[in-house]
Amino acid sequence: MYLEKEDTADFLIAGEIPRPTPKAGDVLVKVYATAVMPTELRWDPTFHKPSGEPRPYPIVLSHEFSGVVELVGADVDIVGIGEEVYGLNDWYGNGAQAEYCLVSASALAPKPKSLNHTEAAVVPISALTAWQGLFEKAQLQRDQRVLIHGASGGVGQFAVQLARWQGARVIATASAPNLDFVRALGADQVIDYRTTRFEDVICDVDAVLDCVGGDMLDRSWGVLKSAGRLVTIATSSGETKDEDVRKAFMIVRADGEQLAQIGRMIDAGELRVFVGGVLPLADARKAYEDHPQTKVRGKIALQVVES
């Protein structure tokens, strides 16, 4: 599936494009499944090159995937043909809503053995975002207190589990139907953001991971310790003129070593994975139109090959 024009799923169509050829350091993956990020239709890299010039159509969406190595480029010796892998490819290139995709060898890892391909495909962006937000940008340590907004969402689910694994005390905001779900993920304290203002019941947290933005982000500064750290992944935060918010904003990067660690944790039962639904690739447009991801626990996976 690819976009033939415009930044709307109305122009997402099925068609044929040439199979990519791996260059040095690249891997060609036969895609078994990918996952949908509806916000990708608003991302600058979807439609522009790093230079700012427009990218040519057709544009293939979805950058996280699970599949099997088809070919390897020169200088690639960490993965072999036929191996099952999952990963995250370049935002500025064509993605994985296709039979094949290209990815840097450093941006993939062995697929978790305990997951099928559709389950593995929903992991990379969300899990890496949670990992990098908590451990790199927020520098979360054992016994610290972290507030996670949007804890039942794709990133929030992994963030709660990873923070608990780190030994931190986890405070999470979610809507009433999701409170028990978030508690089961490992949150020590859950707050229904629709009925309770979180700043009225907590203070002096060491870190905030904001997956919501807007008013939730604005009110979060006041609950931090003086040396506390706030991280936001809300897409609007990257466009603000507020320097503090700009510094707090992060964009996930591909990291095969982190994905390998995450995969080991999944196989060890330390991380649970949730899929919001599975559709065949041919029905990709429905994932944008009929399945708003704010109403499901986990992302929508697109099945490219039955596994």
C-alpha atoms as a PDB file:
ATOM      1  CA  MET A   1       0.000   0.000   0.000  1.00  0.00           C
ATOM      2  CA  TYR A   2       1.258   3.483  -0.775  1.00  0.00           C
ATOM      3  CA  LEU A   3       0.193   7.095  -0.967  1.00  0.00           C
ATOM      4  CA  GLU A   4      -0.103   8.331  -4.527  1.00  0.00           C
ATOM      5  CA  LYS A   5      -0.680  11.935  -3.452  1.00  0.00           C
ATOM      6  CA  GLU A   6      -1.802  14.111  -0.535  1.00  0.00           C
ATOM      7  CA  ASP A   7      -1.453  13.497   3.213  1.00  0.00           C
ATOM      8  CA  THR A   8      -4.670  11.573   3.770  1.00  0.00           C
ATOM      9  CA  ALA A   9      -5.549   7.892   3.876  1.00  0.00           C
ATOM     10  CA  ASP A  10      -8.095   8.552   1.101  1.00  0.00           C
ATOM     11  CA  PHE A  11      -5.142   8.381  -1.279  1.00  0.00           C
ATOM     12  CA  LEU A  12      -3.720   5.143   0.140  1.00  0.00           C
ATOM     13  CA  ILE A  13      -3.900   2.573  -2.653  1.00  0.00           C
ATOM     14  CA  ALA A  14      -2.610  -0.894  -3.542  1.00  0.00           C
ATOM     15  CA  GLY A  15      -0.100  -1.022  -6.356  1.00  0.00           C
ATOM     16  CA  GLU A  16       3.229  -2.301  -7.615  1.00  0.00           C
ATOM     17  CA  ILE A  17       6.581  -0.604  -7.012  1.00  0.00           C
ATOM     18  CA  PRO A  18      10.079  -1.962  -7.676  1.00  0.00           C
ATOM     19  CA  ARG A  19      11.587  -4.216  -5.014  1.00  0.00           C
ATOM     20  CA  PRO A  20      14.276  -2.281  -3.103  1.00  0.00           C
ATOM     21  CA  THR A  21      17.934  -3.306  -3.405  1.00  0.00           C
ATOM     22  CA  PRO A  22      20.064  -3.289  -0.246  1.00  0.00           C
ATOM     23  CA  LYS A  23      23.170  -1.117  -0.284  1.00  0.00           C
ATOM     24  CA  ALA A  24      26.181  -1.585   1.976  1.00  0.00           C
ATOM     25  CA  GLY A  25      25.017  -1.840   5.577  1.00  0.00           C
ATOM     26  CA  ASP A  26      21.394  -2.463   4.608  1.00  0.00           C
ATOM     27  CA  VAL A  27      19.115  -5.468   4.933  1.00  0.00           C
ATOM     28  CA  LEU A  28      16.161  -6.316   2.697  1.00  0.00           C
ATOM     29  CA  VAL A  29      13.357  -7.755   4.823  1.00  0.00           C
ATOM     30  CA  LYS A  30      10.417  -9.747   3.530  1.00  0.00           C
ATOM     31  CA  VAL A  31       7.668  -8.123   5.580  1.00  0.00           C
ATOM     32  CA  TYR A  32       5.228 -10.413   7.381  1.00  0.00           C
ATOM     33  CA  ALA A  33       3.508  -7.679   9.389  1.00  0.00           C
ATOM     34  CA  THR A  34       3.688  -3.971  10.119  1.00  0.00           C
ATOM     35  CA  ALA A  35       1.796  -1.564  12.384  1.00  0.00           C
ATOM     36  CA  VAL A  36      -0.205   1.597  11.817  1.00  0.00           C
ATOM     37  CA  MET A  37       0.645   5.027  13.246  1.00  0.00           C
ATOM     38  CA  PRO A  38      -2.195   7.348  12.118  1.00  0.00           C
ATOM     39  CA  THR A  39      -0.129  10.400  13.102  1.00  0.00           C
ATOM     40  CA  GLU A  40       2.375   9.478  10.386  1.00  0.00           C
ATOM     41  CA  LEU A  41       0.125  11.337   7.959  1.00  0.00           C
ATOM     42  CA  ARG A  42       1.175  14.534   9.778  1.00  0.00           C
ATOM     43  CA  TRP A  43       4.901  13.811  10.152  1.00  0.00           C
ATOM     44  CA  ASP A  44       7.304  15.999   8.221  1.00  0.00           C
ATOM     45  CA  PRO A  45       9.635  13.080   7.256  1.00  0.00           C
ATOM     46  CA  THR A  46       6.699  11.302   5.616  1.00  0.00           C
ATOM     47  CA  PHE A  47       6.569  13.931   2.893  1.00  0.00           C
ATOM     48  CA  HIS A  48       9.984  15.625   2.971  1.00  0.00           C
ATOM     49  CA  LYS A  49      13.645  14.705   2.633  1.00  0.00           C
ATOM     50  CA  PRO A  50      16.097  15.704   5.396  1.00  0.00           C
ATOM     51  CA  SER A  51      16.957  18.720   3.222  1.00  0.00           C
ATOM     52  CA  GLY A  52      13.337  19.875   3.337  1.00  0.00           C
ATOM     53  CA  GLU A  53      12.646  19.081  -0.304  1.00  0.00           C
ATOM     54  CA  PRO A  54       9.439  17.156  -1.051  1.00  0.00           C
ATOM     55  CA  ARG A  55       9.766  13.389  -1.259  1.00  0.00           C
ATOM     56  CA  PRO A  56       8.592  11.875  -4.531  1.00  0.00           C
ATOM     57  CA  TYR A  57       5.433   9.786  -4.670  1.00  0.00           C
ATOM     58  CA  PRO A  58       4.554   6.973  -4.229  1.00  0.00           C
ATOM     59  CA  ILE A  59       5.220   7.002  -0.474  1.00  0.00           C
ATOM     60  CA  VAL A  60       4.993   3.779   1.541  1.00  0.00           C
ATOM     61  CA  LEU A  61       3.859   4.234   5.152  1.00  0.00           C
ATOM     62  CA  SER A  62       4.583   2.337   8.418  1.00  0.00           C
ATOM     63  CA  HIS A  63       8.176   2.013   9.601  1.00  0.00           C
ATOM     64  CA  GLU A  64       8.049  -0.783  12.162  1.00  0.00           C
ATOM     65  CA  PHE A  65       7.886  -4.359  10.956  1.00  0.00           C
ATOM     66  CA  SER A  66       8.418  -8.022  11.616  1.00  0.00           C
ATOM     67  CA  GLY A  67       9.598 -10.391   8.929  1.00  0.00           C
ATOM     68  CA  VAL A  68      12.363 -12.532   7.474  1.00  0.00           C
ATOM     69  CA  VAL A  69      15.721 -11.457   6.041  1.00  0.00           C
ATOM     70  CA  GLU A  70      15.613 -11.766   2.248  1.00  0.00           C
ATOM     71  CA  LEU A  71      18.961 -10.232   1.257  1.00  0.00           C
ATOM     72  CA  VAL A  72      21.861  -8.468   2.971  1.00  0.00           C
ATOM     73  CA  GLY A  73      24.060  -5.731   1.601  1.00  0.00           C
ATOM     74  CA  ALA A  74      27.836  -5.575   1.710  1.00  0.00           C
ATOM     75  CA  ASP A  75      29.459  -5.344   5.151  1.00  0.00           C
ATOM     76  CA  VAL A  76      26.477  -6.915   6.935  1.00  0.00           C
ATOM     77  CA  ASP A  77      27.533  -9.826   9.128  1.00  0.00           C
ATOM     78  CA  ILE A  78      25.259  -9.560  12.171  1.00  0.00           C
ATOM     79  CA  VAL A  79      22.231 -11.125  10.503  1.00  0.00           C
ATOM     80  CA  GLY A  80      21.749 -13.791   7.853  1.00  0.00           C
ATOM     81  CA  ILE A  81      19.279 -14.686   5.119  1.00  0.00           C
ATOM     82  CA  GLY A  82      16.239 -16.507   6.475  1.00  0.00           C
ATOM     83  CA  GLU A  83      16.455 -15.131  10.025  1.00  0.00           C
ATOM     84  CA  GLU A  84      13.307 -13.764  11.664  1.00  0.00           C
ATOM     85  CA  VAL A  85      13.772 -10.120  12.644  1.00  0.00           C
ATOM     86  CA  TYR A  86      11.864  -7.058  13.747  1.00  0.00           C
ATOM     87  CA  GLY A  87      12.839  -3.429  13.667  1.00  0.00           C
ATOM     88  CA  LEU A  88      12.340   0.185  12.667  1.00  0.00           C
ATOM     89  CA  ASN A  89      13.489   1.682   9.387  1.00  0.00           C
ATOM     90  CA  ASP A  90      14.323   5.202   8.218  1.00  0.00           C
ATOM     91  CA  TRP A  91      11.558   7.814   8.674  1.00  0.00           C
ATOM     92  CA  TYR A  92      12.657   9.514   5.443  1.00  0.00           C
ATOM     93  CA  GLY A  93      12.451   6.384   3.298  1.00  0.00           C
ATOM     94  CA  ASN A  94       9.663   4.076   2.250  1.00  0.00           C
ATOM     95  CA  GLY A  95       8.176   2.040   5.056  1.00  0.00           C
ATOM     96  CA  ALA A  96       6.817  -1.463   5.566  1.00  0.00           C
ATOM     97  CA  GLN A  97       3.291  -1.458   4.122  1.00  0.00           C
ATOM     98  CA  ALA A  98       4.757  -3.579   1.361  1.00  0.00           C
ATOM     99  CA  GLU A  99       6.082  -7.051   0.643  1.00  0.00           C
ATOM    100  CA  TYR A 100       9.653  -5.853   1.224  1.00  0.00           C
ATOM    101  CA  CYS A 101      11.362  -3.019   3.060  1.00  0.00           C
ATOM    102  CA  LEU A 102      14.918  -1.805   3.509  1.00  0.00           C
ATOM    103  CA  VAL A 103      16.422  -1.279   6.943  1.00  0.00           C
ATOM    104  CA  SER A 104      19.861  -0.532   8.323  1.00  0.00           C
ATOM    105  CA  ALA A 105      21.396  -3.626   9.896  1.00  0.00           C
ATOM    106  CA  SER A 106      21.877  -1.644  13.114  1.00  0.00           C
ATOM    107  CA  ALA A 107      18.131  -0.930  13.336  1.00  0.00           C
ATOM    108  CA  LEU A 108      16.807  -4.477  13.636  1.00  0.00           C
ATOM    109  CA  ALA A 109      17.059  -7.382  16.057  1.00  0.00           C
ATOM    110  CA  PRO A 110      15.963 -11.012  16.329  1.00  0.00           C
ATOM    111  CA  LYS A 111      12.185 -11.284  16.541  1.00  0.00           C
ATOM    112  CA  PRO A 112      11.065 -12.307  20.039  1.00  0.00           C
ATOM    113  CA  LYS A 113      10.483 -16.060  19.832  1.00  0.00           C
ATOM    114  CA  SER A 114       7.373 -15.905  22.003  1.00  0.00           C
ATOM    115  CA  LEU A 115       5.571 -13.530  19.606  1.00  0.00           C
ATOM    116  CA  ASN A 116       4.103 -14.096  16.185  1.00  0.00           C
ATOM    117  CA  HIS A 117       4.858 -11.553  13.482  1.00  0.00           C
ATOM    118  CA  THR A 118       1.753  -9.419  13.988  1.00  0.00           C
ATOM    119  CA  GLU A 119       2.510  -9.165  17.712  1.00  0.00           C
ATOM    120  CA  ALA A 120       6.169  -8.332  17.101  1.00  0.00           C
ATOM    121  CA  ALA A 121       5.304  -5.650  14.538  1.00  0.00           C
ATOM    122  CA  VAL A 122       3.565  -3.403  17.086  1.00  0.00           C
ATOM    123  CA  VAL A 123       6.556  -3.342  19.445  1.00  0.00           C
ATOM    124  CA  PRO A 124       9.463  -1.303  17.978  1.00  0.00           C
ATOM    125  CA  ILE A 125       8.218   2.309  17.982  1.00  0.00           C
ATOM    126  CA  SER A 126       6.302   2.124  21.258  1.00  0.00           C
ATOM    127  CA  ALA A 127       8.843   0.105  23.210  1.00  0.00           C
ATOM    128  CA  LEU A 128      11.847   2.096  21.980  1.00  0.00           C
ATOM    129  CA  THR A 129      10.074   5.383  22.726  1.00  0.00           C
ATOM    130  CA  ALA A 130       9.333   4.269  26.274  1.00  0.00           C
ATOM    131  CA  TRP A 131      12.879   2.960  26.777  1.00  0.00           C
ATOM    132  CA  GLN A 132      14.617   6.069  25.449  1.00  0.00           C
ATOM    133  CA  GLY A 133      12.210   8.461  27.139  1.00  0.00           C
ATOM    134  CA  LEU A 134      12.541   6.863  30.569  1.00  0.00           C
ATOM    135  CA  PHE A 135      16.143   5.693  30.676  1.00  0.00           C
ATOM    136  CA  GLU A 136      17.999   8.096  28.384  1.00  0.00           C
ATOM    137  CA  LYS A 137      16.153  11.398  28.512  1.00  0.00           C
ATOM    138  CA  ALA A 138      14.518  11.183  31.965  1.00  0.00           C
ATOM    139  CA  GLN A 139      17.397   9.109  33.410  1.00  0.00           C
ATOM    140  CA  LEU A 140      14.939   7.219  35.604  1.00  0.00           C
ATOM    141  CA  GLN A 141      16.559   5.328  38.481  1.00  0.00           C
ATOM    142  CA  ARG A 142      15.458   2.732  40.983  1.00  0.00           C
ATOM    143  CA  ASP A 143      13.202   4.027  43.789  1.00  0.00           C
ATOM    144  CA  GLN A 144      12.428   7.258  41.939  1.00  0.00           C
ATOM    145  CA  ARG A 145       8.831   8.327  41.294  1.00  0.00           C
ATOM    146  CA  VAL A 146       7.622   8.722  37.719  1.00  0.00           C
ATOM    147  CA  LEU A 147       4.307  10.054  36.424  1.00  0.00           C
ATOM    148  CA  ILE A 148       3.172   8.565  33.110  1.00  0.00           C
ATOM    149  CA  HIS A 149       0.378  10.287  31.180  1.00  0.00           C
ATOM    150  CA  GLY A 150      -1.590   8.196  28.684  1.00  0.00           C
ATOM    151  CA  ALA A 151      -0.541   5.007  30.426  1.00  0.00           C
ATOM    152  CA  SER A 152      -2.984   2.757  28.574  1.00  0.00           C
ATOM    153  CA  GLY A 153      -1.781   3.860  25.132  1.00  0.00           C
ATOM    154  CA  GLY A 154       0.820   2.175  22.941  1.00  0.00           C
ATOM    155  CA  VAL A 155       3.850   3.897  24.486  1.00  0.00           C
ATOM    156  CA  GLY A 156       2.314   4.184  27.942  1.00  0.00           C
ATOM    157  CA  GLN A 157       1.806   0.431  28.241  1.00  0.00           C
ATOM    158  CA  PHE A 158       5.509  -0.220  27.745  1.00  0.00           C
ATOM    159  CA  ALA A 159       6.499   2.762  29.887  1.00  0.00           C
ATOM    160  CA  VAL A 160       4.587   1.483  32.912  1.00  0.00           C
ATOM    161  CA  GLN A 161       6.131  -1.958  32.580  1.00  0.00           C
ATOM    162  CA  LEU A 162       9.665  -0.687  31.974  1.00  0.00           C
ATOM    163  CA  ALA A 163       9.538   1.795  34.844  1.00  0.00           C
ATOM    164  CA  ARG A 164       8.337  -0.952  37.184  1.00  0.00           C
ATOM    165  CA  TRP A 165      11.113  -3.250  35.899  1.00  0.00           C
ATOM    166  CA  GLN A 166      13.610  -0.489  36.696  1.00  0.00           C
ATOM    167  CA  GLY A 167      12.364  -0.456  40.282  1.00  0.00           C
ATOM    168  CA  ALA A 168      10.715   2.962  40.111  1.00  0.00           C
ATOM    169  CA  ARG A 169       7.417   3.875  41.749  1.00  0.00           C
ATOM    170  CA  VAL A 170       4.895   4.351  38.951  1.00  0.00           C
ATOM    171  CA  ILE A 171       2.013   6.838  38.999  1.00  0.00           C
ATOM    172  CA  ALA A 172      -0.193   6.639  35.920  1.00  0.00           C
ATOM    173  CA  THR A 173      -3.076   8.635  34.463  1.00  0.00           C
ATOM    174  CA  ALA A 174      -5.757   6.965  32.354  1.00  0.00           C
ATOM    175  CA  SER A 175      -9.515   6.987  31.845  1.00  0.00           C
ATOM    176  CA  ALA A 176     -11.784   5.015  34.175  1.00  0.00           C
ATOM    177  CA  PRO A 177     -12.225   1.975  31.862  1.00  0.00           C
ATOM    178  CA  ASN A 178      -8.436   1.557  31.739  1.00  0.00           C
ATOM    179  CA  LEU A 179      -7.512   1.987  35.401  1.00  0.00           C
ATOM    180  CA  ASP A 180      -7.516  -1.728  36.249  1.00  0.00           C
ATOM    181  CA  PHE A 181      -5.620  -2.490  33.045  1.00  0.00           C
ATOM    182  CA  VAL A 182      -2.872   0.000  33.900  1.00  0.00           C
ATOM    183  CA  ARG A 183      -2.746  -1.229  37.477  1.00  0.00           C
ATOM    184  CA  ALA A 184      -2.246  -4.777  36.182  1.00  0.00           C
ATOM    185  CA  LEU A 185       0.709  -3.552  34.109  1.00  0.00           C
ATOM    186  CA  GLY A 186       2.449  -2.549  37.333  1.00  0.00           C
ATOM    187  CA  ALA A 187       1.361   0.984  38.193  1.00  0.00           C
ATOM    188  CA  ASP A 188       1.489   1.658  41.944  1.00  0.00           C
ATOM    189  CA  GLN A 189      -1.028   4.511  41.757  1.00  0.00           C
ATOM    190  CA  VAL A 190      -3.587   5.197  39.044  1.00  0.00           C
ATOM    191  CA  ILE A 191      -5.486   8.454  38.530  1.00  0.00           C
ATOM    192  CA  ASP A 192      -8.640   8.918  36.487  1.00  0.00           C
ATOM    193  CA  TYR A 193      -7.691  12.108  34.657  1.00  0.00           C
ATOM    194  CA  ARG A 194     -11.347  12.864  33.864  1.00  0.00           C
ATOM    195  CA  THR A 195     -12.432  13.078  37.498  1.00  0.00           C
ATOM    196  CA  THR A 196      -9.234  13.977  39.359  1.00  0.00           C
ATOM    197  CA  ARG A 197      -6.637  16.638  38.676  1.00  0.00           C
ATOM    198  CA  PHE A 198      -3.377  14.805  39.132  1.00  0.00           C
ATOM    199  CA  GLU A 199      -1.653  17.857  40.613  1.00  0.00           C
ATOM    200  CA  ASP A 200      -4.160  17.802  43.469  1.00  0.00           C
ATOM    201  CA  VAL A 201      -3.035  14.349  44.637  1.00  0.00           C
ATOM    202  CA  ILE A 202       0.673  14.099  43.793  1.00  0.00           C
ATOM    203  CA  CYS A 203       3.770  16.295  43.926  1.00  0.00           C
ATOM    204  CA  ASP A 204       7.559  16.091  43.925  1.00  0.00           C
ATOM    205  CA  VAL A 205       7.953  13.402  41.284  1.00  0.00           C
ATOM    206  CA  ASP A 206      11.392  12.731  39.810  1.00  0.00           C
ATOM    207  CA  ALA A 207      10.188  12.406  36.226  1.00  0.00           C
ATOM    208  CA  VAL A 208       7.168  12.806  33.976  1.00  0.00           C
ATOM    209  CA  LEU A 209       6.684  10.938  30.706  1.00  0.00           C
ATOM    210  CA  ASP A 210       3.911  12.715  28.804  1.00  0.00           C
ATOM    211  CA  CYS A 211       2.218  10.810  25.991  1.00  0.00           C
ATOM    212  CA  VAL A 212      -0.743  13.198  25.733  1.00  0.00           C
ATOM    213  CA  GLY A 213       0.385  16.815  25.421  1.00  0.00           C
ATOM    214  CA  GLY A 214      -1.793  19.906  25.705  1.00  0.00           C
ATOM    215  CA  ASP A 215      -3.170  20.764  29.125  1.00  0.00           C
ATOM    216  CA  MET A 216      -1.779  17.568  30.685  1.00  0.00           C
ATOM    217  CA  LEU A 217       1.710  18.625  29.687  1.00  0.00           C
ATOM    218  CA  ASP A 218       1.259  22.228  30.814  1.00  0.00           C
ATOM    219  CA  ARG A 219       0.125  21.166  34.288  1.00  0.00           C
ATOM    220  CA  SER A 220       2.926  18.620  34.702  1.00  0.00           C
ATOM    221  CA  TRP A 221       5.722  21.103  35.338  1.00  0.00           C
ATOM    222  CA  GLY A 222       4.253  21.914  38.740  1.00  0.00           C
ATOM    223  CA  VAL A 223       4.479  18.349  40.101  1.00  0.00           C
ATOM    224  CA  LEU A 224       8.193  17.927  39.387  1.00  0.00           C
ATOM    225  CA  LYS A 225      10.925  18.137  41.990  1.00  0.00           C
ATOM    226  CA  SER A 226      13.289  21.052  41.493  1.00  0.00           C
ATOM    227  CA  ALA A 227      15.702  18.760  39.650  1.00  0.00           C
ATOM    228  CA  GLY A 228      12.956  16.672  38.051  1.00  0.00           C
ATOM    229  CA  ARG A 229      12.889  15.846  34.364  1.00  0.00           C
ATOM    230  CA  LEU A 230       9.942  16.075  31.984  1.00  0.00           C
ATOM    231  CA  VAL A 231       9.812  14.204  28.670  1.00  0.00           C
ATOM    232  CA  THR A 232       7.021  14.593  26.123  1.00  0.00           C
ATOM    233  CA  ILE A 233       6.351  12.699  22.922  1.00  0.00           C
ATOM    234  CA  ALA A 234       3.245  14.717  21.957  1.00  0.00           C
ATOM    235  CA  THR A 235       3.782  15.645  18.319  1.00  0.00           C
ATOM    236  CA  SER A 236       2.600  19.240  18.820  1.00  0.00           C
ATOM    237  CA  SER A 237       5.369  19.786  21.359  1.00  0.00           C
ATOM    238  CA  GLY A 238       8.024  19.684  18.682  1.00  0.00           C
ATOM    239  CA  GLU A 239       6.498  22.725  17.004  1.00  0.00           C
ATOM    240  CA  THR A 240       6.114  24.981  20.032  1.00  0.00           C
ATOM    241  CA  LYS A 241       8.126  28.135  20.660  1.00  0.00           C
ATOM    242  CA  ASP A 242       8.363  27.324  24.376  1.00  0.00           C
ATOM    243  CA  GLU A 243      12.017  26.445  24.870  1.00  0.00           C
ATOM    244  CA  ASP A 244      11.383  24.251  27.920  1.00  0.00           C
ATOM    245  CA  VAL A 245       8.856  22.171  26.014  1.00  0.00           C
ATOM    246  CA  ARG A 246      11.151  21.936  23.005  1.00  0.00           C
ATOM    247  CA  LYS A 247      13.924  20.604  25.245  1.00  0.00           C
ATOM    248  CA  ALA A 248      11.509  18.097  26.778  1.00  0.00           C
ATOM    249  CA  PHE A 249      10.329  16.822  23.393  1.00  0.00           C
ATOM    250  CA  MET A 250      11.825  13.629  21.997  1.00  0.00           C
ATOM    251  CA  ILE A 251      11.577  11.595  18.803  1.00  0.00           C
ATOM    252  CA  VAL A 252      12.395   7.918  18.948  1.00  0.00           C
ATOM    253  CA  ARG A 253      15.401   6.588  17.048  1.00  0.00           C
ATOM    254  CA  ALA A 254      16.015   3.087  15.738  1.00  0.00           C
ATOM    255  CA  ASP A 255      18.349   1.021  17.927  1.00  0.00           C
ATOM    256  CA  GLY A 256      18.909  -2.665  17.285  1.00  0.00           C
ATOM    257  CA  GLU A 257      20.712  -3.297  20.573  1.00  0.00           C
ATOM    258  CA  GLN A 258      17.816  -1.873  22.571  1.00  0.00           C
ATOM    259  CA  LEU A 259      15.350  -3.892  20.499  1.00  0.00           C
ATOM    260  CA  ALA A 260      17.352  -7.034  21.231  1.00  0.00           C
ATOM    261  CA  GLN A 261      17.162  -6.304  24.974  1.00  0.00           C
ATOM    262  CA  ILE A 262      13.430  -5.595  24.710  1.00  0.00           C
ATOM    263  CA  GLY A 263      12.974  -8.865  22.823  1.00  0.00           C
ATOM    264  CA  ARG A 264      14.764 -10.811  25.545  1.00  0.00           C
ATOM    265  CA  MET A 265      12.541  -9.199  28.162  1.00  0.00           C
ATOM    266  CA  ILE A 266       9.433 -10.135  26.198  1.00  0.00           C
ATOM    267  CA  ASP A 267      10.582 -13.746  25.901  1.00  0.00           C
ATOM    268  CA  ALA A 268      11.352 -13.811  29.627  1.00  0.00           C
ATOM    269  CA  GLY A 269       7.819 -12.664  30.433  1.00  0.00           C
ATOM    270  CA  GLU A 270       8.984  -9.302  31.787  1.00  0.00           C
ATOM    271  CA  LEU A 271       7.100  -7.302  29.133  1.00  0.00           C
ATOM    272  CA  ARG A 272       3.612  -7.953  27.816  1.00  0.00           C
ATOM    273  CA  VAL A 273       2.541  -6.954  24.306  1.00  0.00           C
ATOM    274  CA  PHE A 274      -0.974  -5.900  23.308  1.00  0.00           C
ATOM    275  CA  VAL A 275      -2.347  -5.751  19.764  1.00  0.00           C
ATOM    276  CA  GLY A 276      -5.363  -3.551  19.149  1.00  0.00           C
ATOM    277  CA  GLY A 277      -6.462  -5.526  16.094  1.00  0.00           C
ATOM    278  CA  VAL A 278      -5.193  -7.194  12.942  1.00  0.00           C
ATOM    279  CA  LEU A 279      -6.158  -6.357   9.369  1.00  0.00           C
ATOM    280  CA  PRO A 280      -4.833  -7.662   6.054  1.00  0.00           C
ATOM    281  CA  LEU A 281      -2.568  -5.261   4.205  1.00  0.00           C
ATOM    282  CA  ALA A 282      -5.218  -4.801   1.524  1.00  0.00           C
ATOM    283  CA  ASP A 283      -7.489  -3.249   4.166  1.00  0.00           C
ATOM    284  CA  ALA A 284      -4.877  -0.798   5.438  1.00  0.00           C
ATOM    285  CA  ARG A 285      -7.108   2.194   4.804  1.00  0.00           C
ATOM    286  CA  LYS A 286      -9.617   0.831   7.336  1.00  0.00           C
ATOM    287  CA  ALA A 287      -6.957   1.028  10.041  1.00  0.00           C
ATOM    288  CA  TYR A 288      -6.959   4.805   9.595  1.00  0.00           C
ATOM    289  CA  GLU A 289     -10.688   5.265   9.053  1.00  0.00           C
ATOM    290  CA  ASP A 290     -12.480   2.709  11.229  1.00  0.00           C
ATOM    291  CA  HIS A 291     -10.155   1.943  14.101  1.00  0.00           C
ATOM    292  CA  PRO A 292      -9.223   5.108  16.008  1.00  0.00           C
ATOM    293  CA  GLN A 293      -6.321   3.957  18.142  1.00  0.00           C
ATOM    294  CA  THR A 294      -7.383   6.050  21.091  1.00  0.00           C
ATOM    295  CA  LYS A 295     -10.195   3.541  21.627  1.00  0.00           C
ATOM    296  CA  VAL A 296      -8.142   0.324  21.593  1.00  0.00           C
ATOM    297  CA  ARG A 297      -5.384  -1.067  23.796  1.00  0.00           C
ATOM    298  CA  GLY A 298      -2.485  -1.429  21.444  1.00  0.00           C
ATOM    299  CA  LYS A 299      -1.812  -0.551  17.838  1.00  0.00           C
ATOM    300  CA  ILE A 300      -3.451  -2.006  14.759  1.00  0.00           C
ATOM    301  CA  ALA A 301      -1.228  -4.517  12.980  1.00  0.00           C
ATOM    302  CA  LEU A 302      -1.331  -5.099   9.230  1.00  0.00           C
ATOM    303  CA  GLN A 303      -0.707  -8.676   8.162  1.00  0.00           C
ATOM    304  CA  VAL A 304       1.281  -8.896   4.940  1.00  0.00           C
ATOM    305  CA  VAL A 305       2.040 -12.652   4.977  1.00  0.00           C
ATOM    306  CA  GLU A 306       0.145 -15.246   6.990  1.00  0.00           C
ATOM    307  CA  SER A 307       2.363 -16.765   9.678  1.00  0.00           C
END
